[in-house]
Amino acid sequence: WPLLVASVFGLALILDRTIAYLRRVQSFHRLVRR
């Protein structure tokens, strides 16, 4: 049971960070060119 809770919590954190990183994606080279 605690392992299941830890797994669900870990998956939620992974999804949260993935979404946060995808929102902040920016092309360095495109900015430099501009």
PDB file of all heavy atoms in Angstrom:
ATOM      1  N   TRP A   1       0.819  -1.223   0.000  1.00  0.00           N
ATOM      2  CA  TRP A   1       0.000   0.000   0.000  1.00  0.00           C
ATOM      3  C   TRP A   1       0.848   1.266   0.000  1.00  0.00           C
ATOM      4  O   TRP A   1       0.619   2.159  -0.838  1.00  0.00           O
ATOM      5  CB  TRP A   1      -1.006  -0.023   1.159  1.00  0.00           C
ATOM      6  CG  TRP A   1      -2.090  -1.023   0.920  1.00  0.00           C
ATOM      7  CD1 TRP A   1      -2.233  -2.237   1.506  1.00  0.00           C
ATOM      8  CD2 TRP A   1      -3.160  -0.911  -0.016  1.00  0.00           C
ATOM      9  NE1 TRP A   1      -3.322  -2.897   0.994  1.00  0.00           N
ATOM     10  CE2 TRP A   1      -3.912  -2.093   0.057  1.00  0.00           C
ATOM     11  CE3 TRP A   1      -3.545   0.066  -0.919  1.00  0.00           C
ATOM     12  CZ2 TRP A   1      -5.026  -2.313  -0.735  1.00  0.00           C
ATOM     13  CZ3 TRP A   1      -4.658  -0.157  -1.708  1.00  0.00           C
ATOM     14  CH2 TRP A   1      -5.393  -1.338  -1.608  1.00  0.00           C
ATOM     15  N   PRO A   2       1.832   1.380   0.903  1.00  0.00           N
ATOM     16  CA  PRO A   2       2.690   2.573   0.810  1.00  0.00           C
ATOM     17  C   PRO A   2       3.466   2.642  -0.511  1.00  0.00           C
ATOM     18  O   PRO A   2       3.689   3.729  -1.045  1.00  0.00           O
ATOM     19  CB  PRO A   2       3.656   2.429   1.984  1.00  0.00           C
ATOM     20  CG  PRO A   2       3.008   1.483   2.912  1.00  0.00           C
ATOM     21  CD  PRO A   2       2.121   0.610   2.094  1.00  0.00           C
ATOM     22  N   LEU A   3       3.855   1.473  -1.053  1.00  0.00           N
ATOM     23  CA  LEU A   3       4.523   1.476  -2.354  1.00  0.00           C
ATOM     24  C   LEU A   3       3.598   1.973  -3.463  1.00  0.00           C
ATOM     25  O   LEU A   3       4.032   2.699  -4.364  1.00  0.00           O
ATOM     26  CB  LEU A   3       5.022   0.071  -2.689  1.00  0.00           C
ATOM     27  CG  LEU A   3       6.395  -0.300  -2.164  1.00  0.00           C
ATOM     28  CD1 LEU A   3       6.675  -1.782  -2.398  1.00  0.00           C
ATOM     29  CD2 LEU A   3       7.464   0.542  -2.786  1.00  0.00           C
ATOM     30  N   LEU A   4       2.330   1.578  -3.391  1.00  0.00           N
ATOM     31  CA  LEU A   4       1.361   2.052  -4.380  1.00  0.00           C
ATOM     32  C   LEU A   4       1.186   3.560  -4.282  1.00  0.00           C
ATOM     33  O   LEU A   4       1.179   4.263  -5.292  1.00  0.00           O
ATOM     34  CB  LEU A   4       0.018   1.339  -4.194  1.00  0.00           C
ATOM     35  CG  LEU A   4      -1.104   1.777  -5.141  1.00  0.00           C
ATOM     36  CD1 LEU A   4      -0.748   1.410  -6.572  1.00  0.00           C
ATOM     37  CD2 LEU A   4      -2.421   1.155  -4.722  1.00  0.00           C
ATOM     38  N   VAL A   5       1.063   4.071  -3.056  1.00  0.00           N
ATOM     39  CA  VAL A   5       0.912   5.521  -2.853  1.00  0.00           C
ATOM     40  C   VAL A   5       2.152   6.251  -3.369  1.00  0.00           C
ATOM     41  O   VAL A   5       2.035   7.279  -4.062  1.00  0.00           O
ATOM     42  CB  VAL A   5       0.658   5.839  -1.356  1.00  0.00           C
ATOM     43  CG1 VAL A   5       0.749   7.325  -1.092  1.00  0.00           C
ATOM     44  CG2 VAL A   5      -0.691   5.296  -0.925  1.00  0.00           C
ATOM     45  N   ALA A   6       3.338   5.729  -3.070  1.00  0.00           N
ATOM     46  CA  ALA A   6       4.573   6.353  -3.540  1.00  0.00           C
ATOM     47  C   ALA A   6       4.642   6.327  -5.069  1.00  0.00           C
ATOM     48  O   ALA A   6       5.091   7.301  -5.685  1.00  0.00           O
ATOM     49  CB  ALA A   6       5.786   5.651  -2.936  1.00  0.00           C
ATOM     50  N   SER A   7       4.198   5.250  -5.679  1.00  0.00           N
ATOM     51  CA  SER A   7       4.207   5.151  -7.140  1.00  0.00           C
ATOM     52  C   SER A   7       3.275   6.176  -7.773  1.00  0.00           C
ATOM     53  O   SER A   7       3.634   6.843  -8.751  1.00  0.00           O
ATOM     54  CB  SER A   7       3.802   3.752  -7.587  1.00  0.00           C
ATOM     55  OG  SER A   7       4.715   2.805  -7.130  1.00  0.00           O
ATOM     56  N   VAL A   8       2.091   6.313  -7.233  1.00  0.00           N
ATOM     57  CA  VAL A   8       1.124   7.279  -7.766  1.00  0.00           C
ATOM     58  C   VAL A   8       1.648   8.701  -7.578  1.00  0.00           C
ATOM     59  O   VAL A   8       1.580   9.544  -8.485  1.00  0.00           O
ATOM     60  CB  VAL A   8      -0.258   7.090  -7.102  1.00  0.00           C
ATOM     61  CG1 VAL A   8      -1.199   8.229  -7.452  1.00  0.00           C
ATOM     62  CG2 VAL A   8      -0.851   5.753  -7.503  1.00  0.00           C
ATOM     63  N   PHE A   9       2.203   8.980  -6.397  1.00  0.00           N
ATOM     64  CA  PHE A   9       2.743  10.305  -6.115  1.00  0.00           C
ATOM     65  C   PHE A   9       3.931  10.603  -7.042  1.00  0.00           C
ATOM     66  O   PHE A   9       4.041  11.704  -7.587  1.00  0.00           O
ATOM     67  CB  PHE A   9       3.157  10.400  -4.649  1.00  0.00           C
ATOM     68  CG  PHE A   9       3.515  11.773  -4.199  1.00  0.00           C
ATOM     69  CD1 PHE A   9       2.590  12.804  -4.207  1.00  0.00           C
ATOM     70  CD2 PHE A   9       4.803  12.050  -3.757  1.00  0.00           C
ATOM     71  CE1 PHE A   9       2.936  14.075  -3.802  1.00  0.00           C
ATOM     72  CE2 PHE A   9       5.159  13.309  -3.342  1.00  0.00           C
ATOM     73  CZ  PHE A   9       4.217  14.329  -3.364  1.00  0.00           C
ATOM     74  N   GLY A  10       4.797   9.628  -7.232  1.00  0.00           N
ATOM     75  CA  GLY A  10       5.937   9.806  -8.130  1.00  0.00           C
ATOM     76  C   GLY A  10       5.500  10.049  -9.564  1.00  0.00           C
ATOM     77  O   GLY A  10       6.044  10.920 -10.250  1.00  0.00           O
ATOM     78  N   LEU A  11       4.506   9.306 -10.028  1.00  0.00           N
ATOM     79  CA  LEU A  11       3.989   9.505 -11.381  1.00  0.00           C
ATOM     80  C   LEU A  11       3.382  10.898 -11.538  1.00  0.00           C
ATOM     81  O   LEU A  11       3.581  11.563 -12.557  1.00  0.00           O
ATOM     82  CB  LEU A  11       2.953   8.432 -11.719  1.00  0.00           C
ATOM     83  CG  LEU A  11       2.356   8.499 -13.119  1.00  0.00           C
ATOM     84  CD1 LEU A  11       3.441   8.315 -14.179  1.00  0.00           C
ATOM     85  CD2 LEU A  11       1.270   7.449 -13.281  1.00  0.00           C
ATOM     86  N   ALA A  12       2.664  11.349 -10.506  1.00  0.00           N
ATOM     87  CA  ALA A  12       2.084  12.699 -10.549  1.00  0.00           C
ATOM     88  C   ALA A  12       3.182  13.757 -10.642  1.00  0.00           C
ATOM     89  O   ALA A  12       3.055  14.731 -11.407  1.00  0.00           O
ATOM     90  CB  ALA A  12       1.220  12.933  -9.316  1.00  0.00           C
ATOM     91  N   LEU A  13       4.261  13.582  -9.892  1.00  0.00           N
ATOM     92  CA  LEU A  13       5.370  14.535  -9.951  1.00  0.00           C
ATOM     93  C   LEU A  13       6.043  14.516 -11.322  1.00  0.00           C
ATOM     94  O   LEU A  13       6.407  15.568 -11.862  1.00  0.00           O
ATOM     95  CB  LEU A  13       6.395  14.226  -8.864  1.00  0.00           C
ATOM     96  CG  LEU A  13       5.995  14.593  -7.442  1.00  0.00           C
ATOM     97  CD1 LEU A  13       6.992  14.029  -6.439  1.00  0.00           C
ATOM     98  CD2 LEU A  13       5.902  16.104  -7.292  1.00  0.00           C
ATOM     99  N   ILE A  14       6.210  13.337 -11.895  1.00  0.00           N
ATOM    100  CA  ILE A  14       6.825  13.233 -13.219  1.00  0.00           C
ATOM    101  C   ILE A  14       5.962  13.932 -14.269  1.00  0.00           C
ATOM    102  O   ILE A  14       6.474  14.690 -15.104  1.00  0.00           O
ATOM    103  CB  ILE A  14       7.051  11.755 -13.593  1.00  0.00           C
ATOM    104  CG1 ILE A  14       8.161  11.164 -12.728  1.00  0.00           C
ATOM    105  CG2 ILE A  14       7.370  11.601 -15.077  1.00  0.00           C
ATOM    106  CD1 ILE A  14       8.296   9.665 -12.822  1.00  0.00           C
ATOM    107  N   LEU A  15       4.670  13.711 -14.223  1.00  0.00           N
ATOM    108  CA  LEU A  15       3.765  14.374 -15.174  1.00  0.00           C
ATOM    109  C   LEU A  15       3.769  15.885 -14.981  1.00  0.00           C
ATOM    110  O   LEU A  15       3.777  16.651 -15.952  1.00  0.00           O
ATOM    111  CB  LEU A  15       2.356  13.817 -15.046  1.00  0.00           C
ATOM    112  CG  LEU A  15       2.161  12.375 -15.515  1.00  0.00           C
ATOM    113  CD1 LEU A  15       0.744  11.901 -15.213  1.00  0.00           C
ATOM    114  CD2 LEU A  15       2.461  12.258 -16.996  1.00  0.00           C
ATOM    115  N   ASP A  16       3.783  16.327 -13.730  1.00  0.00           N
ATOM    116  CA  ASP A  16       3.805  17.757 -13.430  1.00  0.00           C
ATOM    117  C   ASP A  16       5.056  18.412 -14.003  1.00  0.00           C
ATOM    118  O   ASP A  16       4.989  19.449 -14.658  1.00  0.00           O
ATOM    119  CB  ASP A  16       3.743  17.968 -11.915  1.00  0.00           C
ATOM    120  CG  ASP A  16       3.955  19.415 -11.536  1.00  0.00           C
ATOM    121  OD1 ASP A  16       3.096  20.248 -11.898  1.00  0.00           O
ATOM    122  OD2 ASP A  16       4.986  19.716 -10.886  1.00  0.00           O
ATOM    123  N   ARG A  17       6.204  17.811 -13.784  1.00  0.00           N
ATOM    124  CA  ARG A  17       7.467  18.382 -14.278  1.00  0.00           C
ATOM    125  C   ARG A  17       7.534  18.328 -15.801  1.00  0.00           C
ATOM    126  O   ARG A  17       8.039  19.247 -16.436  1.00  0.00           O
ATOM    127  CB  ARG A  17       8.663  17.655 -13.678  1.00  0.00           C
ATOM    128  CG  ARG A  17       8.857  17.897 -12.209  1.00  0.00           C
ATOM    129  CD  ARG A  17       9.207  19.336 -11.850  1.00  0.00           C
ATOM    130  NE  ARG A  17       8.025  20.180 -11.791  1.00  0.00           N
ATOM    131  CZ  ARG A  17       8.001  21.500 -11.974  1.00  0.00           C
ATOM    132  NH1 ARG A  17       9.073  22.155 -12.240  1.00  0.00           N
ATOM    133  NH2 ARG A  17       6.887  22.183 -11.891  1.00  0.00           N
ATOM    134  N   THR A  18       7.016  17.256 -16.397  1.00  0.00           N
ATOM    135  CA  THR A  18       7.022  17.154 -17.853  1.00  0.00           C
ATOM    136  C   THR A  18       6.205  18.272 -18.472  1.00  0.00           C
ATOM    137  O   THR A  18       6.649  18.934 -19.419  1.00  0.00           O
ATOM    138  CB  THR A  18       6.475  15.781 -18.303  1.00  0.00           C
ATOM    139  OG1 THR A  18       7.284  14.759 -17.730  1.00  0.00           O
ATOM    140  CG2 THR A  18       6.460  15.660 -19.815  1.00  0.00           C
ATOM    141  N   ILE A  19       5.024  18.511 -17.936  1.00  0.00           N
ATOM    142  CA  ILE A  19       4.166  19.590 -18.446  1.00  0.00           C
ATOM    143  C   ILE A  19       4.835  20.937 -18.236  1.00  0.00           C
ATOM    144  O   ILE A  19       4.832  21.796 -19.129  1.00  0.00           O
ATOM    145  CB  ILE A  19       2.779  19.530 -17.783  1.00  0.00           C
ATOM    146  CG1 ILE A  19       2.029  18.286 -18.257  1.00  0.00           C
ATOM    147  CG2 ILE A  19       1.977  20.791 -18.084  1.00  0.00           C
ATOM    148  CD1 ILE A  19       0.768  17.972 -17.467  1.00  0.00           C
ATOM    149  N   ALA A  20       5.428  21.146 -17.068  1.00  0.00           N
ATOM    150  CA  ALA A  20       6.098  22.420 -16.794  1.00  0.00           C
ATOM    151  C   ALA A  20       7.263  22.648 -17.756  1.00  0.00           C
ATOM    152  O   ALA A  20       7.459  23.759 -18.258  1.00  0.00           O
ATOM    153  CB  ALA A  20       6.590  22.452 -15.347  1.00  0.00           C
ATOM    154  N   TYR A  21       8.053  21.612 -18.038  1.00  0.00           N
ATOM    155  CA  TYR A  21       9.180  21.758 -18.953  1.00  0.00           C
ATOM    156  C   TYR A  21       8.707  22.017 -20.381  1.00  0.00           C
ATOM    157  O   TYR A  21       9.300  22.807 -21.100  1.00  0.00           O
ATOM    158  CB  TYR A  21      10.079  20.526 -18.915  1.00  0.00           C
ATOM    159  CG  TYR A  21      10.822  20.346 -17.612  1.00  0.00           C
ATOM    160  CD1 TYR A  21      11.201  19.095 -17.190  1.00  0.00           C
ATOM    161  CD2 TYR A  21      11.129  21.421 -16.790  1.00  0.00           C
ATOM    162  CE1 TYR A  21      11.889  18.915 -15.995  1.00  0.00           C
ATOM    163  CE2 TYR A  21      11.803  21.249 -15.599  1.00  0.00           C
ATOM    164  CZ  TYR A  21      12.185  20.006 -15.203  1.00  0.00           C
ATOM    165  OH  TYR A  21      12.851  19.830 -14.032  1.00  0.00           O
ATOM    166  N   LEU A  22       7.650  21.334 -20.790  1.00  0.00           N
ATOM    167  CA  LEU A  22       7.148  21.536 -22.145  1.00  0.00           C
ATOM    168  C   LEU A  22       6.606  22.944 -22.338  1.00  0.00           C
ATOM    169  O   LEU A  22       6.670  23.486 -23.441  1.00  0.00           O
ATOM    170  CB  LEU A  22       6.084  20.491 -22.480  1.00  0.00           C
ATOM    171  CG  LEU A  22       6.603  19.066 -22.661  1.00  0.00           C
ATOM    172  CD1 LEU A  22       5.448  18.100 -22.866  1.00  0.00           C
ATOM    173  CD2 LEU A  22       7.589  18.991 -23.813  1.00  0.00           C
ATOM    174  N   ARG A  23       6.070  23.538 -21.290  1.00  0.00           N
ATOM    175  CA  ARG A  23       5.570  24.915 -21.385  1.00  0.00           C
ATOM    176  C   ARG A  23       6.702  25.918 -21.531  1.00  0.00           C
ATOM    177  O   ARG A  23       6.503  27.006 -22.046  1.00  0.00           O
ATOM    178  CB  ARG A  23       4.752  25.276 -20.149  1.00  0.00           C
ATOM    179  CG  ARG A  23       3.395  24.652 -20.125  1.00  0.00           C
ATOM    180  CD  ARG A  23       2.625  25.145 -18.937  1.00  0.00           C
ATOM    181  NE  ARG A  23       1.317  24.517 -18.898  1.00  0.00           N
ATOM    182  CZ  ARG A  23       0.524  24.537 -17.859  1.00  0.00           C
ATOM    183  NH1 ARG A  23       0.903  25.133 -16.746  1.00  0.00           N
ATOM    184  NH2 ARG A  23      -0.646  23.950 -17.900  1.00  0.00           N
ATOM    185  N   ARG A  24       7.888  25.565 -21.048  1.00  0.00           N
ATOM    186  CA  ARG A  24       9.017  26.504 -21.049  1.00  0.00           C
ATOM    187  C   ARG A  24       9.998  26.263 -22.182  1.00  0.00           C
ATOM    188  O   ARG A  24      11.046  26.894 -22.222  1.00  0.00           O
ATOM    189  CB  ARG A  24       9.770  26.382 -19.728  1.00  0.00           C
ATOM    190  CG  ARG A  24       8.966  26.832 -18.551  1.00  0.00           C
ATOM    191  CD  ARG A  24       9.738  26.641 -17.281  1.00  0.00           C
ATOM    192  NE  ARG A  24       8.950  27.059 -16.130  1.00  0.00           N
ATOM    193  CZ  ARG A  24       9.198  26.690 -14.914  1.00  0.00           C
ATOM    194  NH1 ARG A  24      10.206  25.912 -14.639  1.00  0.00           N
ATOM    195  NH2 ARG A  24       8.446  27.109 -13.924  1.00  0.00           N
ATOM    196  N   VAL A  25       9.671  25.384 -23.086  1.00  0.00           N
ATOM    197  CA  VAL A  25      10.593  25.083 -24.187  1.00  0.00           C
ATOM    198  C   VAL A  25      10.789  26.336 -25.028  1.00  0.00           C
ATOM    199  O   VAL A  25       9.833  27.023 -25.376  1.00  0.00           O
ATOM    200  CB  VAL A  25      10.048  23.927 -25.057  1.00  0.00           C
ATOM    201  CG1 VAL A  25      10.857  23.775 -26.319  1.00  0.00           C
ATOM    202  CG2 VAL A  25      10.047  22.641 -24.264  1.00  0.00           C
ATOM    203  N   GLN A  26      12.055  26.613 -25.322  1.00  0.00           N
ATOM    204  CA  GLN A  26      12.376  27.765 -26.149  1.00  0.00           C
ATOM    205  C   GLN A  26      13.632  27.446 -26.946  1.00  0.00           C
ATOM    206  O   GLN A  26      14.567  26.847 -26.421  1.00  0.00           O
ATOM    207  CB  GLN A  26      12.617  28.994 -25.266  1.00  0.00           C
ATOM    208  CG  GLN A  26      12.904  30.247 -26.041  1.00  0.00           C
ATOM    209  CD  GLN A  26      13.150  31.440 -25.141  1.00  0.00           C
ATOM    210  OE1 GLN A  26      13.568  31.295 -24.008  1.00  0.00           O
ATOM    211  NE2 GLN A  26      12.875  32.608 -25.659  1.00  0.00           N
ATOM    212  N   SER A  27      13.651  27.861 -28.180  1.00  0.00           N
ATOM    213  CA  SER A  27      14.803  27.622 -29.034  1.00  0.00           C
ATOM    214  C   SER A  27      15.840  28.724 -28.824  1.00  0.00           C
ATOM    215  O   SER A  27      15.581  29.898 -29.091  1.00  0.00           O
ATOM    216  CB  SER A  27      14.379  27.576 -30.500  1.00  0.00           C
ATOM    217  OG  SER A  27      15.521  27.525 -31.322  1.00  0.00           O
ATOM    218  N   PHE A  28      17.005  28.323 -28.351  1.00  0.00           N
ATOM    219  CA  PHE A  28      18.092  29.275 -28.126  1.00  0.00           C
ATOM    220  C   PHE A  28      18.542  29.890 -29.446  1.00  0.00           C
ATOM    221  O   PHE A  28      18.721  31.103 -29.567  1.00  0.00           O
ATOM    222  CB  PHE A  28      19.260  28.567 -27.425  1.00  0.00           C
ATOM    223  CG  PHE A  28      20.489  29.415 -27.290  1.00  0.00           C
ATOM    224  CD1 PHE A  28      20.535  30.416 -26.336  1.00  0.00           C
ATOM    225  CD2 PHE A  28      21.579  29.220 -28.113  1.00  0.00           C
ATOM    226  CE1 PHE A  28      21.661  31.206 -26.204  1.00  0.00           C
ATOM    227  CE2 PHE A  28      22.702  29.994 -27.985  1.00  0.00           C
ATOM    228  CZ  PHE A  28      22.748  31.003 -27.028  1.00  0.00           C
ATOM    229  N   HIS A  29      18.716  29.051 -30.461  1.00  0.00           N
ATOM    230  CA  HIS A  29      19.223  29.532 -31.750  1.00  0.00           C
ATOM    231  C   HIS A  29      18.233  30.481 -32.427  1.00  0.00           C
ATOM    232  O   HIS A  29      18.647  31.460 -33.060  1.00  0.00           O
ATOM    233  CB  HIS A  29      19.558  28.353 -32.659  1.00  0.00           C
ATOM    234  CG  HIS A  29      20.635  27.482 -32.097  1.00  0.00           C
ATOM    235  ND1 HIS A  29      21.926  27.903 -31.936  1.00  0.00           N
ATOM    236  CD2 HIS A  29      20.608  26.213 -31.621  1.00  0.00           C
ATOM    237  CE1 HIS A  29      22.652  26.954 -31.408  1.00  0.00           C
ATOM    238  NE2 HIS A  29      21.871  25.906 -31.201  1.00  0.00           N
ATOM    239  N   ARG A  30      16.963  30.206 -32.296  1.00  0.00           N
ATOM    240  CA  ARG A  30      15.957  31.101 -32.887  1.00  0.00           C
ATOM    241  C   ARG A  30      16.005  32.470 -32.215  1.00  0.00           C
ATOM    242  O   ARG A  30      15.934  33.508 -32.888  1.00  0.00           O
ATOM    243  CB  ARG A  30      14.559  30.504 -32.744  1.00  0.00           C
ATOM    244  CG  ARG A  30      13.502  31.347 -33.450  1.00  0.00           C
ATOM    245  CD  ARG A  30      12.111  30.789 -33.302  1.00  0.00           C
ATOM    246  NE  ARG A  30      12.063  29.408 -33.796  1.00  0.00           N
ATOM    247  CZ  ARG A  30      11.211  28.490 -33.357  1.00  0.00           C
ATOM    248  NH1 ARG A  30      10.338  28.792 -32.422  1.00  0.00           N
ATOM    249  NH2 ARG A  30      11.227  27.283 -33.841  1.00  0.00           N
ATOM    250  N   LEU A  31      16.143  32.488 -30.892  1.00  0.00           N
ATOM    251  CA  LEU A  31      16.225  33.767 -30.180  1.00  0.00           C
ATOM    252  C   LEU A  31      17.482  34.534 -30.586  1.00  0.00           C
ATOM    253  O   LEU A  31      17.435  35.742 -30.822  1.00  0.00           O
ATOM    254  CB  LEU A  31      16.215  33.537 -28.667  1.00  0.00           C
ATOM    255  CG  LEU A  31      16.319  34.805 -27.807  1.00  0.00           C
ATOM    256  CD1 LEU A  31      15.096  35.689 -28.005  1.00  0.00           C
ATOM    257  CD2 LEU A  31      16.503  34.450 -26.349  1.00  0.00           C
ATOM    258  N   VAL A  32      18.600  33.835 -30.697  1.00  0.00           N
ATOM    259  CA  VAL A  32      19.852  34.490 -31.095  1.00  0.00           C
ATOM    260  C   VAL A  32      19.710  35.083 -32.499  1.00  0.00           C
ATOM    261  O   VAL A  32      20.141  36.218 -32.750  1.00  0.00           O
ATOM    262  CB  VAL A  32      21.034  33.500 -31.021  1.00  0.00           C
ATOM    263  CG1 VAL A  32      22.279  34.075 -31.675  1.00  0.00           C
ATOM    264  CG2 VAL A  32      21.322  33.146 -29.568  1.00  0.00           C
ATOM    265  N   ARG A  33      19.110  34.336 -33.420  1.00  0.00           N
ATOM    266  CA  ARG A  33      18.917  34.848 -34.781  1.00  0.00           C
ATOM    267  C   ARG A  33      18.039  36.094 -34.772  1.00  0.00           C
ATOM    268  O   ARG A  33      18.295  37.041 -35.519  1.00  0.00           O
ATOM    269  CB  ARG A  33      18.297  33.771 -35.673  1.00  0.00           C
ATOM    270  CG  ARG A  33      19.299  32.761 -36.197  1.00  0.00           C
ATOM    271  CD  ARG A  33      18.720  31.935 -37.336  1.00  0.00           C
ATOM    272  NE  ARG A  33      17.458  31.296 -37.009  1.00  0.00           N
ATOM    273  CZ  ARG A  33      17.328  30.077 -36.484  1.00  0.00           C
ATOM    274  NH1 ARG A  33      18.405  29.361 -36.219  1.00  0.00           N
ATOM    275  NH2 ARG A  33      16.143  29.564 -36.237  1.00  0.00           N
ATOM    276  N   ARG A  34      16.999  36.087 -33.941  1.00  0.00           N
ATOM    277  CA  ARG A  34      16.101  37.246 -33.893  1.00  0.00           C
ATOM    278  C   ARG A  34      16.780  38.460 -33.254  1.00  0.00           C
ATOM    279  O   ARG A  34      16.478  39.590 -33.604  1.00  0.00           O
ATOM    280  CB  ARG A  34      14.832  36.894 -33.121  1.00  0.00           C
ATOM    281  CG  ARG A  34      13.943  35.924 -33.872  1.00  0.00           C
ATOM    282  CD  ARG A  34      12.686  35.606 -33.106  1.00  0.00           C
ATOM    283  NE  ARG A  34      11.878  36.803 -32.956  1.00  0.00           N
ATOM    284  CZ  ARG A  34      10.974  36.965 -31.988  1.00  0.00           C
ATOM    285  NH1 ARG A  34      10.779  36.013 -31.109  1.00  0.00           N
ATOM    286  NH2 ARG A  34      10.274  38.064 -31.908  1.00  0.00           N
TER     287      ARG A  34
END
